[in-house]
Amino acid sequence: MKYKIFKYASSRIDQDGNDNVHYFSKYFAPMFAYFFYKIKFSPNSVTFIFLVTGFLSALLLYWSFPIYAYLAWRLHIILDMADGSLARATKIFSSNAIGFDRSNHIIINTSILLAPLHFNGNIEIANGLIVSFYLYYFFSRNFISDKSTAINFSIKKNIIKNILGLEGYIAAQCLVIFFELYDFINFICYFYIFSFFLLFVVKLITRINK
């Protein structure tokens, strides 16, 4: 299968909306998916690589390699998209794929949230991060999963959401660790505990008003 045909076959029903959400990774995911297709990797194999890459991102942050940690984080998102692209293009679907994917996200997200606390943090901050983040994360997963929400999602809104969400948290922690400003780690944690709760409340209000 040639790349052009593969890319068309790997498209989602809500491709335009998904591209708005993943405005950076969308350029690379089809190429990575096609590479794995050429070397005959299965979609589940790519999902496993996405797990390893995401967890490596947390380890690199823990080991004080923030630039590499952020690059690994960006790569794991591309791989997360690539496994679905590969599955759609090859029509190879697994009944365990959704559970495998969601479990990977929980492992990776929890690891990356807690990694900076190695330098400066405590159990109260850890609990605050986990509770506030997963309130927002699981609310979005369980109640706002319609494809139409992605279609109507603007790039501008997505950038703001990313700044206030996990992407912003990781970028901020990578910066302070890179410059060895460890005293700011707790401040960033408190800011994002509030921010995650805020995102949850906004989603809740939006859902109630529908």
N, C-alpha and C. Protein backbone atom coordinates (compact mmCIF):
# COMPACT_ATOMS: atom_id res chain seq x y z
N MET A 1 0.84 -1.19 0.00
CA MET A 1 0.00 0.00 0.00
C MET A 1 0.89 1.25 0.00
N LYS A 2 0.64 2.16 -0.93
CA LYS A 2 1.41 3.39 -0.99
C LYS A 2 0.96 4.36 0.11
N TYR A 3 1.84 5.30 0.44
CA TYR A 3 1.59 6.19 1.57
C TYR A 3 0.29 6.98 1.38
N LYS A 4 0.04 7.50 0.21
CA LYS A 4 -1.15 8.31 -0.03
C LYS A 4 -2.41 7.50 0.23
N ILE A 5 -2.43 6.26 -0.23
CA ILE A 5 -3.59 5.39 -0.01
C ILE A 5 -3.69 5.03 1.47
N PHE A 6 -2.54 4.74 2.10
CA PHE A 6 -2.51 4.40 3.53
C PHE A 6 -3.07 5.56 4.36
N LYS A 7 -2.63 6.77 4.07
CA LYS A 7 -3.09 7.94 4.84
C LYS A 7 -4.59 8.13 4.70
N TYR A 8 -5.10 7.95 3.50
CA TYR A 8 -6.55 8.08 3.29
C TYR A 8 -7.30 6.98 4.06
N ALA A 9 -6.79 5.77 4.00
CA ALA A 9 -7.44 4.64 4.68
C ALA A 9 -7.38 4.76 6.20
N SER A 10 -6.41 5.53 6.71
CA SER A 10 -6.24 5.66 8.16
C SER A 10 -7.06 6.80 8.75
N SER A 11 -7.76 7.55 7.91
CA SER A 11 -8.51 8.72 8.37
C SER A 11 -9.67 8.34 9.28
N ARG A 12 -9.94 9.21 10.24
CA ARG A 12 -11.07 9.03 11.14
C ARG A 12 -12.32 9.69 10.55
N ILE A 13 -13.49 9.30 11.08
CA ILE A 13 -14.73 9.94 10.67
C ILE A 13 -14.70 11.42 11.04
N ASP A 14 -14.13 11.72 12.20
CA ASP A 14 -14.05 13.10 12.69
C ASP A 14 -12.64 13.66 12.49
N GLN A 15 -12.04 13.41 11.34
CA GLN A 15 -10.64 13.75 11.11
C GLN A 15 -10.36 15.24 11.30
N ASP A 16 -11.23 16.10 10.79
CA ASP A 16 -11.01 17.55 10.90
C ASP A 16 -11.00 18.00 12.35
N GLY A 17 -11.96 17.48 13.13
CA GLY A 17 -12.01 17.83 14.54
C GLY A 17 -10.81 17.31 15.30
N ASN A 18 -10.42 16.09 14.99
CA ASN A 18 -9.25 15.50 15.66
C ASN A 18 -7.97 16.27 15.32
N ASP A 19 -7.88 16.76 14.09
CA ASP A 19 -6.73 17.57 13.69
C ASP A 19 -6.68 18.87 14.47
N ASN A 20 -7.85 19.45 14.79
CA ASN A 20 -7.88 20.66 15.60
C ASN A 20 -7.34 20.40 17.00
N VAL A 21 -7.69 19.25 17.55
CA VAL A 21 -7.23 18.90 18.90
C VAL A 21 -5.73 18.62 18.90
N HIS A 22 -5.28 17.90 17.88
CA HIS A 22 -3.85 17.52 17.79
C HIS A 22 -3.19 18.32 16.66
N TYR A 23 -3.15 19.63 16.84
CA TYR A 23 -2.71 20.52 15.76
C TYR A 23 -1.23 20.38 15.44
N PHE A 24 -0.43 19.78 16.32
CA PHE A 24 0.99 19.56 16.06
C PHE A 24 1.24 18.12 15.62
N SER A 25 0.74 17.19 16.39
CA SER A 25 1.03 15.78 16.15
C SER A 25 0.41 15.25 14.86
N LYS A 26 -0.63 15.92 14.37
CA LYS A 26 -1.32 15.43 13.17
C LYS A 26 -0.39 15.34 11.96
N TYR A 27 0.66 16.14 11.93
CA TYR A 27 1.58 16.15 10.80
C TYR A 27 2.51 14.93 10.79
N PHE A 28 2.73 14.34 11.96
CA PHE A 28 3.70 13.27 12.09
C PHE A 28 3.09 11.88 12.26
N ALA A 29 1.90 11.82 12.86
CA ALA A 29 1.28 10.52 13.16
C ALA A 29 1.11 9.63 11.94
N PRO A 30 0.63 10.14 10.80
CA PRO A 30 0.48 9.25 9.63
C PRO A 30 1.82 8.69 9.15
N MET A 31 2.87 9.49 9.21
CA MET A 31 4.20 9.03 8.76
C MET A 31 4.72 7.94 9.69
N PHE A 32 4.55 8.12 11.00
CA PHE A 32 4.98 7.08 11.94
C PHE A 32 4.16 5.81 11.74
N ALA A 33 2.84 5.97 11.54
CA ALA A 33 1.98 4.81 11.33
C ALA A 33 2.41 4.05 10.08
N TYR A 34 2.74 4.79 9.03
CA TYR A 34 3.16 4.15 7.79
C TYR A 34 4.50 3.43 7.96
N PHE A 35 5.40 4.01 8.75
CA PHE A 35 6.67 3.35 9.04
C PHE A 35 6.44 2.01 9.73
N PHE A 36 5.56 2.00 10.74
CA PHE A 36 5.26 0.75 11.45
C PHE A 36 4.55 -0.25 10.53
N TYR A 37 3.75 0.27 9.63
CA TYR A 37 3.09 -0.60 8.65
C TYR A 37 4.13 -1.29 7.76
N LYS A 38 5.13 -0.53 7.33
CA LYS A 38 6.15 -1.08 6.43
C LYS A 38 7.02 -2.13 7.12
N ILE A 39 7.23 -1.97 8.41
CA ILE A 39 8.05 -2.97 9.12
C ILE A 39 7.17 -4.03 9.79
N LYS A 40 5.87 -4.01 9.43
CA LYS A 40 4.92 -5.06 9.81
C LYS A 40 4.67 -5.16 11.32
N PHE A 41 4.61 -4.00 11.99
CA PHE A 41 4.22 -3.96 13.40
C PHE A 41 2.70 -3.95 13.48
N SER A 42 2.17 -4.58 14.51
CA SER A 42 0.72 -4.55 14.75
C SER A 42 0.35 -3.27 15.50
N PRO A 43 -0.92 -2.86 15.44
CA PRO A 43 -1.36 -1.69 16.21
C PRO A 43 -1.08 -1.83 17.71
N ASN A 44 -1.28 -3.04 18.27
CA ASN A 44 -1.01 -3.23 19.70
C ASN A 44 0.47 -3.08 20.02
N SER A 45 1.34 -3.45 19.09
CA SER A 45 2.78 -3.26 19.29
C SER A 45 3.11 -1.78 19.39
N VAL A 46 2.48 -0.98 18.54
CA VAL A 46 2.70 0.47 18.57
C VAL A 46 2.15 1.06 19.87
N THR A 47 1.02 0.54 20.33
CA THR A 47 0.46 0.99 21.61
C THR A 47 1.43 0.72 22.75
N PHE A 48 2.09 -0.44 22.71
CA PHE A 48 3.07 -0.76 23.74
C PHE A 48 4.27 0.20 23.66
N ILE A 49 4.71 0.53 22.45
CA ILE A 49 5.81 1.48 22.30
C ILE A 49 5.41 2.85 22.81
N PHE A 50 4.15 3.22 22.59
CA PHE A 50 3.64 4.49 23.11
C PHE A 50 3.66 4.48 24.65
N LEU A 51 3.34 3.36 25.27
CA LEU A 51 3.43 3.24 26.73
C LEU A 51 4.86 3.42 27.21
N VAL A 52 5.79 2.73 26.59
CA VAL A 52 7.20 2.80 26.99
C VAL A 52 7.73 4.22 26.82
N THR A 53 7.38 4.86 25.72
CA THR A 53 7.86 6.22 25.45
C THR A 53 7.29 7.22 26.44
N GLY A 54 6.00 7.09 26.75
CA GLY A 54 5.38 8.00 27.72
C GLY A 54 5.94 7.84 29.11
N PHE A 55 6.15 6.57 29.52
CA PHE A 55 6.72 6.33 30.85
C PHE A 55 8.17 6.79 30.90
N LEU A 56 8.89 6.63 29.78
CA LEU A 56 10.26 7.12 29.70
C LEU A 56 10.31 8.63 29.89
N SER A 57 9.31 9.33 29.38
CA SER A 57 9.23 10.78 29.57
C SER A 57 9.23 11.14 31.05
N ALA A 58 8.43 10.41 31.83
CA ALA A 58 8.37 10.65 33.28
C ALA A 58 9.71 10.33 33.94
N LEU A 59 10.33 9.24 33.53
CA LEU A 59 11.64 8.87 34.09
C LEU A 59 12.71 9.91 33.77
N LEU A 60 12.69 10.41 32.55
CA LEU A 60 13.68 11.43 32.15
C LEU A 60 13.51 12.71 32.95
N LEU A 61 12.26 13.05 33.25
CA LEU A 61 12.01 14.23 34.09
C LEU A 61 12.51 13.97 35.51
N TYR A 62 12.27 12.78 36.00
CA TYR A 62 12.73 12.37 37.33
C TYR A 62 14.27 12.39 37.40
N TRP A 63 14.91 12.00 36.30
CA TRP A 63 16.38 11.94 36.26
C TRP A 63 17.03 13.27 35.87
N SER A 64 16.24 14.34 35.79
CA SER A 64 16.74 15.69 35.48
C SER A 64 17.22 15.85 34.04
N PHE A 65 16.47 15.29 33.12
CA PHE A 65 16.70 15.51 31.69
C PHE A 65 15.43 16.10 31.09
N PRO A 66 15.09 17.34 31.46
CA PRO A 66 13.79 17.90 31.10
C PRO A 66 13.56 18.06 29.59
N ILE A 67 14.60 18.43 28.84
CA ILE A 67 14.43 18.61 27.39
C ILE A 67 14.08 17.28 26.74
N TYR A 68 14.84 16.23 27.08
CA TYR A 68 14.55 14.91 26.54
C TYR A 68 13.20 14.39 27.02
N ALA A 69 12.85 14.76 28.26
CA ALA A 69 11.55 14.35 28.80
C ALA A 69 10.42 14.95 27.98
N TYR A 70 10.55 16.22 27.64
CA TYR A 70 9.48 16.87 26.87
C TYR A 70 9.41 16.31 25.45
N LEU A 71 10.57 16.05 24.85
CA LEU A 71 10.58 15.46 23.52
C LEU A 71 9.94 14.07 23.52
N ALA A 72 10.24 13.28 24.56
CA ALA A 72 9.62 11.95 24.68
C ALA A 72 8.12 12.07 24.87
N TRP A 73 7.69 13.10 25.62
CA TRP A 73 6.26 13.33 25.83
C TRP A 73 5.56 13.62 24.51
N ARG A 74 6.17 14.51 23.70
CA ARG A 74 5.58 14.83 22.41
C ARG A 74 5.54 13.59 21.50
N LEU A 75 6.59 12.80 21.55
CA LEU A 75 6.67 11.60 20.73
C LEU A 75 5.60 10.59 21.12
N HIS A 76 5.35 10.46 22.42
CA HIS A 76 4.37 9.46 22.85
C HIS A 76 2.96 9.83 22.39
N ILE A 77 2.68 11.13 22.24
CA ILE A 77 1.38 11.56 21.73
C ILE A 77 1.25 11.18 20.26
N ILE A 78 2.32 11.38 19.50
CA ILE A 78 2.33 10.99 18.09
C ILE A 78 2.09 9.48 17.95
N LEU A 79 2.77 8.71 18.79
CA LEU A 79 2.61 7.26 18.75
C LEU A 79 1.20 6.84 19.17
N ASP A 80 0.62 7.58 20.09
CA ASP A 80 -0.75 7.30 20.53
C ASP A 80 -1.73 7.47 19.38
N MET A 81 -1.46 8.44 18.52
CA MET A 81 -2.29 8.63 17.33
C MET A 81 -1.97 7.60 16.25
N ALA A 82 -0.69 7.24 16.16
CA ALA A 82 -0.25 6.34 15.09
C ALA A 82 -0.85 4.94 15.21
N ASP A 83 -1.04 4.45 16.44
CA ASP A 83 -1.58 3.09 16.57
C ASP A 83 -3.00 3.01 16.01
N GLY A 84 -3.80 4.05 16.25
CA GLY A 84 -5.15 4.07 15.69
C GLY A 84 -5.14 4.20 14.17
N SER A 85 -4.23 5.03 13.67
CA SER A 85 -4.12 5.17 12.21
C SER A 85 -3.75 3.85 11.56
N LEU A 86 -2.82 3.14 12.19
CA LEU A 86 -2.40 1.85 11.66
C LEU A 86 -3.55 0.84 11.70
N ALA A 87 -4.30 0.84 12.77
CA ALA A 87 -5.43 -0.10 12.90
C ALA A 87 -6.49 0.17 11.84
N ARG A 88 -6.80 1.44 11.60
CA ARG A 88 -7.82 1.77 10.60
C ARG A 88 -7.35 1.44 9.18
N ALA A 89 -6.08 1.72 8.90
CA ALA A 89 -5.56 1.47 7.56
C ALA A 89 -5.47 -0.01 7.25
N THR A 90 -5.13 -0.82 8.23
CA THR A 90 -4.94 -2.26 8.00
C THR A 90 -6.17 -3.07 8.36
N LYS A 91 -7.17 -2.40 8.99
CA LYS A 91 -8.40 -3.08 9.43
C LYS A 91 -8.09 -4.17 10.46
N ILE A 92 -7.03 -3.94 11.24
CA ILE A 92 -6.67 -4.87 12.31
C ILE A 92 -7.10 -4.25 13.64
N PHE A 93 -8.18 -4.74 14.19
CA PHE A 93 -8.72 -4.18 15.43
C PHE A 93 -8.70 -5.25 16.52
N SER A 94 -8.38 -4.82 17.73
CA SER A 94 -8.32 -5.72 18.87
C SER A 94 -9.39 -5.37 19.88
N SER A 95 -10.03 -6.39 20.45
CA SER A 95 -11.05 -6.14 21.47
C SER A 95 -10.45 -5.56 22.74
N ASN A 96 -9.14 -5.74 22.92
CA ASN A 96 -8.47 -5.23 24.11
C ASN A 96 -7.85 -3.85 23.90
N ALA A 97 -7.96 -3.31 22.69
CA ALA A 97 -7.22 -2.09 22.35
C ALA A 97 -7.63 -0.89 23.21
N ILE A 98 -8.94 -0.72 23.41
CA ILE A 98 -9.41 0.45 24.17
C ILE A 98 -8.93 0.38 25.61
N GLY A 99 -9.08 -0.78 26.24
CA GLY A 99 -8.62 -0.94 27.62
C GLY A 99 -7.12 -0.77 27.76
N PHE A 100 -6.38 -1.32 26.82
CA PHE A 100 -4.92 -1.19 26.80
C PHE A 100 -4.52 0.27 26.68
N ASP A 101 -5.16 0.98 25.76
CA ASP A 101 -4.86 2.39 25.54
C ASP A 101 -5.17 3.23 26.77
N ARG A 102 -6.33 3.04 27.36
CA ARG A 102 -6.73 3.86 28.51
C ARG A 102 -5.87 3.56 29.74
N SER A 103 -5.51 2.29 29.92
CA SER A 103 -4.62 1.95 31.04
C SER A 103 -3.26 2.62 30.86
N ASN A 104 -2.78 2.65 29.62
CA ASN A 104 -1.51 3.31 29.35
C ASN A 104 -1.55 4.79 29.71
N HIS A 105 -2.65 5.44 29.36
CA HIS A 105 -2.79 6.86 29.67
C HIS A 105 -2.74 7.10 31.18
N ILE A 106 -3.39 6.26 31.95
CA ILE A 106 -3.39 6.42 33.41
C ILE A 106 -1.98 6.25 33.96
N ILE A 107 -1.27 5.24 33.50
CA ILE A 107 0.11 5.00 33.95
C ILE A 107 1.00 6.19 33.61
N ILE A 108 0.93 6.64 32.36
CA ILE A 108 1.79 7.72 31.90
C ILE A 108 1.45 9.04 32.59
N ASN A 109 0.16 9.39 32.61
CA ASN A 109 -0.24 10.67 33.20
C ASN A 109 0.12 10.74 34.68
N THR A 110 -0.14 9.66 35.41
CA THR A 110 0.18 9.66 36.85
C THR A 110 1.68 9.79 37.06
N SER A 111 2.46 9.09 36.27
CA SER A 111 3.92 9.13 36.41
C SER A 111 4.47 10.52 36.13
N ILE A 112 3.98 11.16 35.07
CA ILE A 112 4.50 12.48 34.70
C ILE A 112 4.04 13.55 35.68
N LEU A 113 2.85 13.40 36.26
CA LEU A 113 2.38 14.35 37.26
C LEU A 113 3.25 14.32 38.51
N LEU A 114 3.65 13.11 38.92
CA LEU A 114 4.36 12.96 40.19
C LEU A 114 5.88 13.09 40.06
N ALA A 115 6.42 12.94 38.85
CA ALA A 115 7.88 12.95 38.67
C ALA A 115 8.56 14.20 39.24
N PRO A 116 8.04 15.42 39.04
CA PRO A 116 8.72 16.60 39.57
C PRO A 116 8.77 16.66 41.10
N LEU A 117 7.87 15.94 41.77
CA LEU A 117 7.83 15.98 43.24
C LEU A 117 9.05 15.31 43.85
N HIS A 118 9.82 14.62 43.04
CA HIS A 118 11.10 14.05 43.48
C HIS A 118 12.03 15.16 43.97
N PHE A 119 11.95 16.34 43.35
CA PHE A 119 12.83 17.45 43.69
C PHE A 119 12.29 18.26 44.86
N ASN A 120 10.98 18.44 44.88
CA ASN A 120 10.38 19.27 45.93
C ASN A 120 8.88 18.99 45.95
N GLY A 121 8.39 18.42 47.02
CA GLY A 121 6.96 18.11 47.07
C GLY A 121 6.62 17.29 48.30
N ASN A 122 5.34 17.00 48.45
CA ASN A 122 4.89 16.21 49.59
C ASN A 122 3.63 15.43 49.20
N ILE A 123 3.15 14.61 50.11
CA ILE A 123 2.02 13.73 49.82
C ILE A 123 0.74 14.53 49.59
N GLU A 124 0.60 15.69 50.27
CA GLU A 124 -0.59 16.51 50.08
C GLU A 124 -0.66 17.05 48.65
N ILE A 125 0.48 17.51 48.15
CA ILE A 125 0.52 18.02 46.78
C ILE A 125 0.25 16.88 45.79
N ALA A 126 0.85 15.73 46.05
CA ALA A 126 0.63 14.57 45.17
C ALA A 126 -0.85 14.22 45.11
N ASN A 127 -1.50 14.16 46.25
CA ASN A 127 -2.93 13.84 46.28
C ASN A 127 -3.75 14.90 45.55
N GLY A 128 -3.40 16.17 45.76
CA GLY A 128 -4.11 17.26 45.10
C GLY A 128 -4.01 17.17 43.59
N LEU A 129 -2.81 16.88 43.10
CA LEU A 129 -2.61 16.75 41.65
C LEU A 129 -3.42 15.59 41.08
N ILE A 130 -3.34 14.45 41.74
CA ILE A 130 -4.03 13.26 41.23
C ILE A 130 -5.54 13.45 41.23
N VAL A 131 -6.09 13.93 42.35
CA VAL A 131 -7.54 14.09 42.45
C VAL A 131 -8.04 15.14 41.46
N SER A 132 -7.40 16.30 41.41
CA SER A 132 -7.88 17.38 40.54
C SER A 132 -7.74 17.00 39.07
N PHE A 133 -6.62 16.38 38.70
CA PHE A 133 -6.42 16.02 37.30
C PHE A 133 -7.42 14.97 36.85
N TYR A 134 -7.61 13.92 37.66
CA TYR A 134 -8.49 12.84 37.21
C TYR A 134 -9.97 13.19 37.32
N LEU A 135 -10.31 14.17 38.14
CA LEU A 135 -11.68 14.69 38.09
C LEU A 135 -11.97 15.21 36.69
N TYR A 136 -11.06 16.05 36.20
CA TYR A 136 -11.22 16.63 34.87
C TYR A 136 -11.07 15.57 33.77
N TYR A 137 -10.06 14.73 33.90
CA TYR A 137 -9.74 13.75 32.86
C TYR A 137 -10.87 12.74 32.67
N PHE A 138 -11.34 12.15 33.76
CA PHE A 138 -12.37 11.13 33.63
C PHE A 138 -13.73 11.73 33.33
N PHE A 139 -13.98 12.96 33.77
CA PHE A 139 -15.24 13.61 33.40
C PHE A 139 -15.29 13.80 31.89
N SER A 140 -14.18 14.25 31.31
CA SER A 140 -14.12 14.43 29.87
C SER A 140 -14.25 13.10 29.14
N ARG A 141 -13.60 12.07 29.66
CA ARG A 141 -13.63 10.74 29.03
C ARG A 141 -15.02 10.11 29.09
N ASN A 142 -15.68 10.24 30.24
CA ASN A 142 -16.91 9.50 30.48
C ASN A 142 -18.17 10.23 30.02
N PHE A 143 -18.13 11.56 30.03
CA PHE A 143 -19.36 12.30 29.75
C PHE A 143 -19.28 13.19 28.51
N ILE A 144 -18.06 13.51 28.07
CA ILE A 144 -17.93 14.39 26.91
C ILE A 144 -17.10 13.67 25.88
N SER A 145 -17.67 12.62 25.33
CA SER A 145 -16.94 11.79 24.38
C SER A 145 -17.54 11.85 22.98
N ASP A 146 -18.53 12.72 22.78
CA ASP A 146 -19.14 12.82 21.46
C ASP A 146 -18.15 13.30 20.43
N LYS A 147 -18.21 12.73 19.23
CA LYS A 147 -17.34 13.15 18.16
C LYS A 147 -17.60 14.61 17.80
N SER A 148 -18.82 15.07 17.99
CA SER A 148 -19.18 16.44 17.62
C SER A 148 -18.41 17.47 18.42
N THR A 149 -18.01 17.11 19.66
CA THR A 149 -17.27 18.07 20.48
C THR A 149 -15.92 18.36 19.85
N ALA A 150 -15.30 17.35 19.26
CA ALA A 150 -14.02 17.56 18.60
C ALA A 150 -14.18 18.37 17.32
N ILE A 151 -15.27 18.13 16.60
CA ILE A 151 -15.50 18.84 15.35
C ILE A 151 -15.62 20.34 15.59
N ASN A 152 -16.30 20.70 16.68
CA ASN A 152 -16.54 22.12 16.99
C ASN A 152 -15.42 22.75 17.81
N PHE A 153 -14.36 22.01 18.05
CA PHE A 153 -13.29 22.48 18.93
C PHE A 153 -12.30 23.31 18.13
N SER A 154 -12.09 24.56 18.50
CA SER A 154 -11.18 25.43 17.76
C SER A 154 -9.76 25.25 18.26
N ILE A 155 -8.81 25.58 17.39
CA ILE A 155 -7.40 25.49 17.75
C ILE A 155 -7.10 26.46 18.89
N LYS A 156 -7.69 27.65 18.85
CA LYS A 156 -7.46 28.65 19.90
C LYS A 156 -7.89 28.11 21.26
N LYS A 157 -9.07 27.51 21.33
CA LYS A 157 -9.55 26.94 22.60
C LYS A 157 -8.65 25.80 23.05
N ASN A 158 -8.17 25.02 22.10
CA ASN A 158 -7.33 23.89 22.46
C ASN A 158 -5.99 24.35 23.02
N ILE A 159 -5.43 25.43 22.46
CA ILE A 159 -4.17 25.97 22.98
C ILE A 159 -4.35 26.44 24.42
N ILE A 160 -5.46 27.15 24.69
CA ILE A 160 -5.74 27.63 26.05
C ILE A 160 -5.91 26.44 27.00
N LYS A 161 -6.64 25.42 26.54
CA LYS A 161 -6.84 24.22 27.36
C LYS A 161 -5.52 23.54 27.67
N ASN A 162 -4.65 23.48 26.67
CA ASN A 162 -3.35 22.84 26.88
C ASN A 162 -2.47 23.62 27.85
N ILE A 163 -2.52 24.94 27.77
CA ILE A 163 -1.73 25.77 28.69
C ILE A 163 -2.18 25.55 30.12
N LEU A 164 -3.50 25.43 30.31
CA LEU A 164 -4.05 25.25 31.66
C LEU A 164 -4.08 23.79 32.09
N GLY A 165 -3.84 22.87 31.15
CA GLY A 165 -3.94 21.45 31.44
C GLY A 165 -2.60 20.77 31.59
N LEU A 166 -2.60 19.48 31.33
CA LEU A 166 -1.41 18.66 31.56
C LEU A 166 -0.23 19.10 30.71
N GLU A 167 -0.48 19.51 29.47
CA GLU A 167 0.60 19.98 28.60
C GLU A 167 1.33 21.16 29.24
N GLY A 168 0.55 22.10 29.76
CA GLY A 168 1.15 23.27 30.40
C GLY A 168 1.92 22.91 31.65
N TYR A 169 1.36 21.99 32.44
CA TYR A 169 2.03 21.52 33.65
C TYR A 169 3.39 20.93 33.32
N ILE A 170 3.44 20.06 32.31
CA ILE A 170 4.70 19.41 31.95
C ILE A 170 5.71 20.42 31.44
N ALA A 171 5.27 21.32 30.57
CA ALA A 171 6.17 22.33 30.02
C ALA A 171 6.75 23.21 31.13
N ALA A 172 5.90 23.62 32.06
CA ALA A 172 6.35 24.48 33.17
C ALA A 172 7.34 23.76 34.07
N GLN A 173 7.05 22.50 34.40
CA GLN A 173 7.96 21.74 35.25
C GLN A 173 9.29 21.45 34.55
N CYS A 174 9.23 21.19 33.24
CA CYS A 174 10.48 20.99 32.49
C CYS A 174 11.35 22.24 32.52
N LEU A 175 10.72 23.40 32.42
CA LEU A 175 11.47 24.66 32.44
C LEU A 175 12.14 24.90 33.78
N VAL A 176 11.39 24.72 34.87
CA VAL A 176 11.98 25.01 36.18
C VAL A 176 13.07 23.99 36.53
N ILE A 177 12.91 22.76 36.10
CA ILE A 177 13.95 21.75 36.35
C ILE A 177 15.18 22.02 35.49
N PHE A 178 14.95 22.45 34.25
CA PHE A 178 16.07 22.79 33.36
C PHE A 178 16.92 23.91 33.96
N PHE A 179 16.26 24.93 34.52
CA PHE A 179 16.97 26.06 35.10
C PHE A 179 17.27 25.87 36.59
N GLU A 180 16.95 24.67 37.10
CA GLU A 180 17.21 24.30 38.50
C GLU A 180 16.54 25.25 39.49
N LEU A 181 15.34 25.69 39.14
CA LEU A 181 14.57 26.57 40.02
C LEU A 181 13.58 25.72 40.83
N TYR A 182 14.13 24.84 41.65
CA TYR A 182 13.32 23.84 42.32
C TYR A 182 12.32 24.42 43.31
N ASP A 183 12.58 25.63 43.79
CA ASP A 183 11.64 26.25 44.73
C ASP A 183 10.30 26.58 44.07
N PHE A 184 10.28 26.62 42.72
CA PHE A 184 9.04 26.95 42.03
C PHE A 184 8.19 25.72 41.73
N ILE A 185 8.72 24.54 42.00
CA ILE A 185 7.98 23.32 41.67
C ILE A 185 6.65 23.25 42.42
N ASN A 186 6.68 23.54 43.71
CA ASN A 186 5.44 23.49 44.48
C ASN A 186 4.44 24.55 44.02
N PHE A 187 4.95 25.73 43.67
CA PHE A 187 4.05 26.78 43.18
C PHE A 187 3.34 26.31 41.91
N ILE A 188 4.07 25.70 41.00
CA ILE A 188 3.48 25.19 39.77
C ILE A 188 2.44 24.11 40.09
N CYS A 189 2.76 23.25 41.05
CA CYS A 189 1.81 22.20 41.45
C CYS A 189 0.52 22.81 41.96
N TYR A 190 0.62 23.80 42.86
CA TYR A 190 -0.58 24.43 43.41
C TYR A 190 -1.38 25.13 42.31
N PHE A 191 -0.68 25.80 41.40
CA PHE A 191 -1.36 26.49 40.30
C PHE A 191 -2.16 25.50 39.46
N TYR A 192 -1.55 24.36 39.16
CA TYR A 192 -2.24 23.40 38.29
C TYR A 192 -3.28 22.56 39.02
N ILE A 193 -3.14 22.41 40.33
CA ILE A 193 -4.23 21.79 41.09
C ILE A 193 -5.48 22.65 40.93
N PHE A 194 -5.30 23.97 41.09
CA PHE A 194 -6.42 24.90 40.88
C PHE A 194 -6.90 24.87 39.44
N SER A 195 -5.96 24.84 38.50
CA SER A 195 -6.30 24.86 37.08
C SER A 195 -7.07 23.62 36.66
N PHE A 196 -6.64 22.44 37.14
CA PHE A 196 -7.36 21.20 36.81
C PHE A 196 -8.79 21.23 37.35
N PHE A 197 -8.93 21.74 38.59
CA PHE A 197 -10.28 21.88 39.16
C PHE A 197 -11.11 22.85 38.33
N LEU A 198 -10.48 23.94 37.89
CA LEU A 198 -11.18 24.94 37.08
C LEU A 198 -11.67 24.33 35.77
N LEU A 199 -10.81 23.56 35.12
CA LEU A 199 -11.20 22.91 33.87
C LEU A 199 -12.36 21.93 34.09
N PHE A 200 -12.31 21.23 35.22
CA PHE A 200 -13.40 20.31 35.57
C PHE A 200 -14.71 21.07 35.73
N VAL A 201 -14.67 22.19 36.46
CA VAL A 201 -15.88 22.98 36.70
C VAL A 201 -16.43 23.53 35.39
N VAL A 202 -15.55 24.01 34.53
CA VAL A 202 -15.98 24.54 33.23
C VAL A 202 -16.67 23.44 32.42
N LYS A 203 -16.08 22.25 32.39
CA LYS A 203 -16.69 21.13 31.67
C LYS A 203 -18.03 20.75 32.28
N LEU A 204 -18.10 20.76 33.62
CA LEU A 204 -19.34 20.41 34.33
C LEU A 204 -20.45 21.39 34.00
N ILE A 205 -20.13 22.69 34.05
CA ILE A 205 -21.13 23.71 33.75
C ILE A 205 -21.58 23.61 32.30
N THR A 206 -20.62 23.37 31.41
CA THR A 206 -20.96 23.23 29.99
C THR A 206 -21.90 22.05 29.78
N ARG A 207 -21.63 20.97 30.49
CA ARG A 207 -22.47 19.78 30.36
C ARG A 207 -23.87 20.02 30.89
N ILE A 208 -23.98 20.70 32.03
CA ILE A 208 -25.29 20.97 32.66
C ILE A 208 -26.14 21.86 31.76
N ASN A 209 -25.49 22.84 31.11
CA ASN A 209 -26.23 23.80 30.29
C ASN A 209 -26.63 23.29 28.91
N LYS A 210 -26.21 22.05 28.58
CA LYS A 210 -26.59 21.49 27.27
C LYS A 210 -28.06 21.05 27.27
